Amino acid sequence: MKDADTLSRFLFEHAGIRGNLIHLDASWRAVLDAHTYPAAVQEPLGQALAAVSLLAATIKFEGSLILQVQSAGPIRTLVAQATNARTLRGLARWQGEVPEQGSLDERFGEGRLVLTVQRQNADPYQGVVPLEGADLADAIEAYFKESEQLKTRLWLTANGEHAAGLLLQKMPNEDAEDEDWERVEMLADTLTTGELRDLPTQELLYRLFNEETVKLFEPEPMSFRCGCSRSRIEDTVKMLSEAEVDSILAEQGAIEVTCEFCNREYRFDSVDTRQLFASPTRHEPPQTRQ
């Protein structure tokens, strides 16, 4: 049985190459539970979640990595986010029919790939490249080639039950020989979709790299976590003017906000909104007689 909802990191000792392997099951299905996606949208969304989780694990930081695709084709928006705490969330928006076996161009049309690193107490770092290639893995590899000058390969798969991915990357500031990279890359290219999705981590690594010296670290659990909260939604409501809020209340009786990621609904009636906009009352301490 494969390792469900886990991220496994490994190193090729003496070769200056690192790897990450991820299996998403319950966490991926939690994303699907929030929205009804057609199979042609599920596949790239699951691949994006596997990819962003793999990439986030290569960064030493406190914060999140966001992978976003914006395009003019059938799939208009794809967003996947992973944090250093190994939590993830994602969503997609589409319009019309999406080809089930289509290329990136057929599914997305002309678009761009955006990777954003959000660190605590620091300005975000963002890289943008055109959305090009046969699939999402190709587009991400092109990003690292053009923006980071870091040799990176990805193998991704997703269906309605499971999402999985494998990442290989030349380690920064390491004198990895080209022949080592080419050999490891060639071995990984023998991986099949079924093996990536179904094999346990140790079995998969042995199947691919049994003649290499590989150090495997303890697996880390992955989980779905939206991150929305009533206080955050309150901050959003307060961005409206009191007049706008009163108008919505008069028309609809309440303000209802649904989180795009988890589909949780937040409701604010007239009492709730009055409390949001009420100025805090300052209570003076009683005067004491001298």
Protein backbone atom coordinates (compact mmCIF):
# COMPACT_ATOMS: atom_id res chain seq x y z
CA MET A 1 0.00 0.00 0.00
CA LYS A 2 1.37 3.42 -0.95
CA ASP A 3 2.09 6.20 1.52
CA ALA A 4 -1.10 8.28 1.58
CA ASP A 5 -0.92 12.07 2.08
CA THR A 6 2.82 12.16 2.62
CA LEU A 7 5.79 14.10 1.32
CA SER A 8 9.10 12.24 1.22
CA ARG A 9 12.41 14.01 0.65
CA PHE A 10 15.55 12.21 -0.49
CA LEU A 11 19.12 12.92 -1.60
CA PHE A 12 21.46 11.30 -4.07
CA GLU A 13 24.57 11.26 -1.94
CA HIS A 14 27.76 12.47 -3.62
CA ALA A 15 25.78 13.60 -6.68
CA GLY A 16 24.43 17.02 -5.64
CA ILE A 17 20.86 16.07 -6.58
CA ARG A 18 17.77 16.15 -4.37
CA GLY A 19 14.31 14.74 -4.84
CA ASN A 20 10.81 14.94 -3.42
CA LEU A 21 7.98 12.45 -3.80
CA ILE A 22 4.37 13.17 -2.87
CA HIS A 23 1.15 11.19 -2.60
CA LEU A 24 -2.12 13.05 -2.02
CA ASP A 25 -5.30 11.13 -1.26
CA ALA A 26 -7.67 12.40 1.46
CA SER A 27 -6.18 15.91 1.18
CA TRP A 28 -6.81 15.92 -2.58
CA ARG A 29 -10.34 14.59 -2.18
CA ALA A 30 -11.04 17.34 0.37
CA VAL A 31 -10.25 19.88 -2.36
CA LEU A 32 -12.63 18.08 -4.72
CA ASP A 33 -15.36 17.95 -2.07
CA ALA A 34 -15.57 21.75 -2.07
CA HIS A 35 -16.46 22.00 -5.78
CA THR A 36 -17.69 19.78 -8.58
CA TYR A 37 -14.98 19.75 -11.22
CA PRO A 38 -15.15 17.90 -14.54
CA ALA A 39 -12.42 15.28 -15.00
CA ALA A 40 -10.60 17.50 -17.51
CA VAL A 41 -10.24 20.18 -14.81
CA GLN A 42 -9.50 17.75 -11.96
CA GLU A 43 -6.37 16.47 -13.66
CA PRO A 44 -4.44 19.77 -13.99
CA LEU A 45 -5.68 20.98 -10.59
CA GLY A 46 -4.45 17.80 -8.88
CA GLN A 47 -1.16 18.04 -10.75
CA ALA A 48 -0.80 21.67 -9.66
CA LEU A 49 -1.36 20.73 -6.00
CA ALA A 50 1.22 17.95 -6.23
CA ALA A 51 3.66 20.30 -7.96
CA VAL A 52 3.33 23.20 -5.53
CA SER A 53 3.75 20.83 -2.56
CA LEU A 54 6.93 19.40 -4.11
CA LEU A 55 8.33 22.85 -4.85
CA ALA A 56 7.49 24.30 -1.42
CA ALA A 57 9.53 21.51 0.17
CA THR A 58 12.66 22.75 -1.62
CA ILE A 59 12.48 26.14 0.14
CA LYS A 60 13.56 26.88 3.71
CA PHE A 61 10.98 29.44 4.81
CA GLU A 62 7.93 30.18 6.94
CA GLY A 63 5.09 31.05 4.64
CA SER A 64 3.51 29.71 1.49
CA LEU A 65 4.19 29.04 -2.17
CA ILE A 66 1.40 29.81 -4.64
CA LEU A 67 1.26 28.40 -8.15
CA GLN A 68 -1.20 30.22 -10.37
CA VAL A 69 -2.17 29.83 -14.02
CA GLN A 70 -4.09 32.66 -15.67
CA SER A 71 -5.31 32.17 -19.21
CA ALA A 72 -7.93 33.04 -21.81
CA GLY A 73 -8.96 29.47 -22.71
CA PRO A 74 -11.46 26.97 -21.27
CA ILE A 75 -9.61 26.78 -17.92
CA ARG A 76 -9.37 30.43 -16.91
CA THR A 77 -7.74 30.19 -13.49
CA LEU A 78 -5.83 27.53 -11.59
CA VAL A 79 -4.55 28.25 -8.08
CA ALA A 80 -2.63 25.87 -5.80
CA GLN A 81 -1.03 26.84 -2.49
CA ALA A 82 1.25 24.91 -0.14
CA THR A 83 2.73 26.07 3.16
CA ASN A 84 5.86 25.22 5.10
CA ALA A 85 3.52 23.45 7.57
CA ARG A 86 2.70 20.98 4.73
CA THR A 87 -0.87 22.16 4.28
CA LEU A 88 -2.44 22.79 0.90
CA ARG A 89 -5.50 24.20 -0.84
CA GLY A 90 -6.50 24.94 -4.42
CA LEU A 91 -9.24 25.86 -6.83
CA ALA A 92 -9.95 26.17 -10.55
CA ARG A 93 -12.35 28.19 -12.69
CA TRP A 94 -13.36 27.20 -16.18
CA GLN A 95 -15.82 28.10 -18.88
CA GLY A 96 -17.46 25.83 -21.45
CA GLU A 97 -16.13 22.44 -22.50
CA VAL A 98 -12.59 21.48 -21.48
CA PRO A 99 -10.88 18.82 -23.65
CA GLU A 100 -10.21 15.70 -21.55
CA GLN A 101 -7.06 14.75 -23.48
CA GLY A 102 -6.04 18.24 -24.54
CA SER A 103 -2.64 19.89 -24.47
CA LEU A 104 -1.88 22.94 -22.36
CA ASP A 105 -2.81 25.18 -25.27
CA GLU A 106 -6.11 23.37 -25.85
CA ARG A 107 -7.11 23.39 -22.17
CA PHE A 108 -5.81 26.80 -21.18
CA GLY A 109 -5.20 28.77 -24.35
CA GLU A 110 -2.69 31.60 -24.18
CA GLY A 111 -1.71 32.18 -20.58
CA ARG A 112 1.00 32.64 -18.01
CA LEU A 113 2.40 30.71 -15.07
CA VAL A 114 3.02 32.65 -11.85
CA LEU A 115 4.95 31.36 -8.83
CA THR A 116 4.75 33.50 -5.69
CA VAL A 117 6.72 32.94 -2.49
CA GLN A 118 5.09 34.61 0.52
CA ARG A 119 7.37 34.76 3.55
CA GLN A 120 6.38 35.98 6.97
CA ASN A 121 7.52 39.56 7.61
CA ALA A 122 8.94 39.91 4.10
CA ASP A 123 7.85 41.17 0.72
CA PRO A 124 6.59 38.43 -1.62
CA TYR A 125 8.81 37.18 -4.43
CA GLN A 126 7.11 36.48 -7.75
CA GLY A 127 8.23 34.91 -11.01
CA VAL A 128 6.18 34.92 -14.23
CA VAL A 129 6.69 32.96 -17.46
CA PRO A 130 4.48 32.18 -20.47
CA LEU A 131 2.39 29.02 -20.12
CA GLU A 132 4.11 26.79 -22.65
CA GLY A 133 4.81 23.09 -23.12
CA ALA A 134 2.99 19.81 -23.50
CA ASP A 135 1.71 19.77 -19.91
CA LEU A 136 1.96 21.52 -16.56
CA ALA A 137 5.21 19.76 -15.68
CA ASP A 138 6.79 21.15 -18.86
CA ALA A 139 5.66 24.68 -18.02
CA ILE A 140 7.10 24.50 -14.49
CA GLU A 141 10.38 23.06 -15.74
CA ALA A 142 10.62 25.94 -18.22
CA TYR A 143 10.10 28.39 -15.36
CA PHE A 144 13.09 27.00 -13.47
CA LYS A 145 15.21 26.96 -16.60
CA GLU A 146 14.42 30.58 -17.48
CA SER A 147 13.94 32.23 -14.07
CA GLU A 148 16.05 30.23 -11.64
CA GLN A 149 18.67 28.63 -13.93
CA LEU A 150 18.22 25.47 -11.87
CA LYS A 151 17.86 22.07 -13.49
CA THR A 152 14.49 20.71 -12.39
CA ARG A 153 12.32 17.83 -13.60
CA LEU A 154 8.77 16.93 -12.58
CA TRP A 155 6.53 13.94 -13.14
CA LEU A 156 2.88 14.56 -12.19
CA THR A 157 -0.37 12.60 -12.24
CA ALA A 158 -3.90 13.08 -10.90
CA ASN A 159 -7.36 11.58 -11.21
CA GLY A 160 -10.54 11.79 -9.15
CA GLU A 161 -9.06 9.85 -6.22
CA HIS A 162 -5.30 10.41 -6.12
CA ALA A 163 -2.66 12.97 -7.04
CA ALA A 164 1.07 12.27 -7.00
CA GLY A 165 4.33 13.77 -8.13
CA LEU A 166 8.08 13.30 -8.29
CA LEU A 167 10.61 16.13 -8.38
CA LEU A 168 14.32 15.98 -9.12
CA GLN A 169 16.47 19.07 -8.80
CA LYS A 170 20.13 19.93 -9.00
CA MET A 171 21.02 21.39 -5.62
CA PRO A 172 22.07 25.05 -5.60
CA ASN A 173 25.76 25.70 -5.00
CA GLU A 174 26.62 22.04 -5.51
CA ASP A 175 29.14 20.86 -8.09
CA ALA A 176 26.95 18.13 -9.53
CA GLU A 177 28.42 16.49 -12.61
CA ASP A 178 26.32 16.66 -15.76
CA GLU A 179 26.71 12.93 -16.22
CA ASP A 180 25.20 12.30 -12.76
CA TRP A 181 22.19 14.46 -13.60
CA GLU A 182 21.73 12.84 -17.00
CA ARG A 183 21.92 9.33 -15.52
CA VAL A 184 19.42 10.02 -12.73
CA GLU A 185 17.09 11.85 -15.13
CA MET A 186 17.21 8.92 -17.56
CA LEU A 187 16.30 6.47 -14.79
CA ALA A 188 13.39 8.63 -13.64
CA ASP A 189 12.07 8.86 -17.20
CA THR A 190 11.25 5.13 -17.02
CA LEU A 191 8.60 5.90 -14.39
CA THR A 192 5.03 5.13 -15.43
CA THR A 193 1.91 7.00 -14.33
CA GLY A 194 0.61 3.91 -12.55
CA GLU A 195 3.85 3.43 -10.62
CA LEU A 196 3.92 7.07 -9.55
CA ARG A 197 0.33 6.89 -8.36
CA ASP A 198 0.29 3.44 -6.74
CA LEU A 199 3.74 2.35 -5.54
CA PRO A 200 4.88 3.01 -1.92
CA THR A 201 7.76 5.46 -1.63
CA GLN A 202 10.53 3.00 -0.81
CA GLU A 203 9.40 0.57 -3.49
CA LEU A 204 9.22 3.31 -6.09
CA LEU A 205 12.66 4.67 -5.27
CA TYR A 206 14.15 1.17 -5.33
CA ARG A 207 12.46 0.46 -8.65
CA LEU A 208 14.03 3.59 -10.18
CA PHE A 209 17.32 4.12 -8.37
CA ASN A 210 18.43 0.80 -6.84
CA GLU A 211 21.97 1.26 -8.20
CA GLU A 212 22.29 4.80 -6.77
CA THR A 213 23.17 5.84 -3.22
CA VAL A 214 19.93 7.42 -2.03
CA LYS A 215 19.28 8.81 1.45
CA LEU A 216 15.57 8.87 2.30
CA PHE A 217 14.30 11.16 5.08
CA GLU A 218 11.31 10.59 7.34
CA PRO A 219 8.01 11.24 5.52
CA GLU A 220 6.02 14.36 6.41
CA PRO A 221 2.20 14.32 6.53
CA MET A 222 0.26 16.53 4.12
CA SER A 223 -3.23 17.87 4.83
CA PHE A 224 -5.89 20.11 3.34
CA ARG A 225 -6.39 23.33 5.25
CA CYS A 226 -8.21 26.31 3.85
CA GLY A 227 -7.04 29.05 6.20
CA CYS A 228 -10.25 31.06 6.00
CA SER A 229 -11.80 32.30 9.24
CA ARG A 230 -14.66 34.52 10.35
CA SER A 231 -12.25 37.26 11.41
CA ARG A 232 -10.68 37.33 7.94
CA ILE A 233 -14.09 37.50 6.29
CA GLU A 234 -15.03 40.29 8.70
CA ASP A 235 -12.01 42.26 7.49
CA THR A 236 -13.26 41.80 3.92
CA VAL A 237 -16.76 43.01 4.81
CA LYS A 238 -15.28 46.05 6.56
CA MET A 239 -13.63 47.05 3.29
CA LEU A 240 -17.14 47.99 2.13
CA SER A 241 -18.67 51.28 3.25
CA GLU A 242 -21.46 51.28 5.81
CA ALA A 243 -23.80 52.61 3.11
CA GLU A 244 -22.96 49.66 0.83
CA VAL A 245 -23.50 47.21 3.68
CA ASP A 246 -26.84 48.81 4.59
CA SER A 247 -27.92 48.57 0.95
CA ILE A 248 -27.12 44.85 0.78
CA LEU A 249 -28.91 44.21 4.08
CA ALA A 250 -32.01 46.10 2.88
CA GLU A 251 -32.11 44.08 -0.31
CA GLN A 252 -31.07 40.62 0.91
CA GLY A 253 -31.55 40.66 4.68
CA ALA A 254 -28.00 39.49 5.34
CA ILE A 255 -24.52 39.43 3.82
CA GLU A 256 -23.46 35.92 2.85
CA VAL A 257 -19.86 35.19 1.88
CA THR A 258 -18.69 31.80 0.62
CA CYS A 259 -15.01 30.86 0.75
CA GLU A 260 -13.84 29.92 -2.74
CA PHE A 261 -11.42 27.29 -1.48
CA CYS A 262 -13.49 25.29 1.01
CA ASN A 263 -17.06 26.41 0.20
CA ARG A 264 -17.72 27.36 3.83
CA GLU A 265 -20.43 29.97 4.19
CA TYR A 266 -20.26 33.00 6.50
CA ARG A 267 -23.41 34.98 7.28
CA PHE A 268 -23.65 38.51 8.71
CA ASP A 269 -26.99 39.98 9.73
CA SER A 270 -27.71 43.58 10.73
CA VAL A 271 -26.56 42.99 14.33
CA ASP A 272 -23.27 41.47 13.13
CA THR A 273 -22.54 44.34 10.78
CA ARG A 274 -23.37 47.00 13.37
CA GLN A 275 -20.80 45.41 15.66
CA LEU A 276 -18.23 45.44 12.83
CA PHE A 277 -18.61 49.17 12.25
CA ALA A 278 -19.20 50.23 15.84
CA SER A 279 -16.51 52.50 17.26
CA PRO A 280 -14.96 51.04 20.36
CA THR A 281 -16.36 52.70 23.46
CA ARG A 282 -13.81 54.10 25.81
CA HIS A 283 -14.67 53.68 29.47
CA GLU A 284 -13.09 56.26 31.75
CA PRO A 285 -12.12 55.05 35.20
CA PRO A 286 -14.35 56.48 37.94
CA GLN A 287 -13.08 59.58 39.69
CA THR A 288 -12.09 59.02 43.28
CA ARG A 289 -12.56 61.63 45.96
CA GLN A 290 -9.42 63.15 47.34
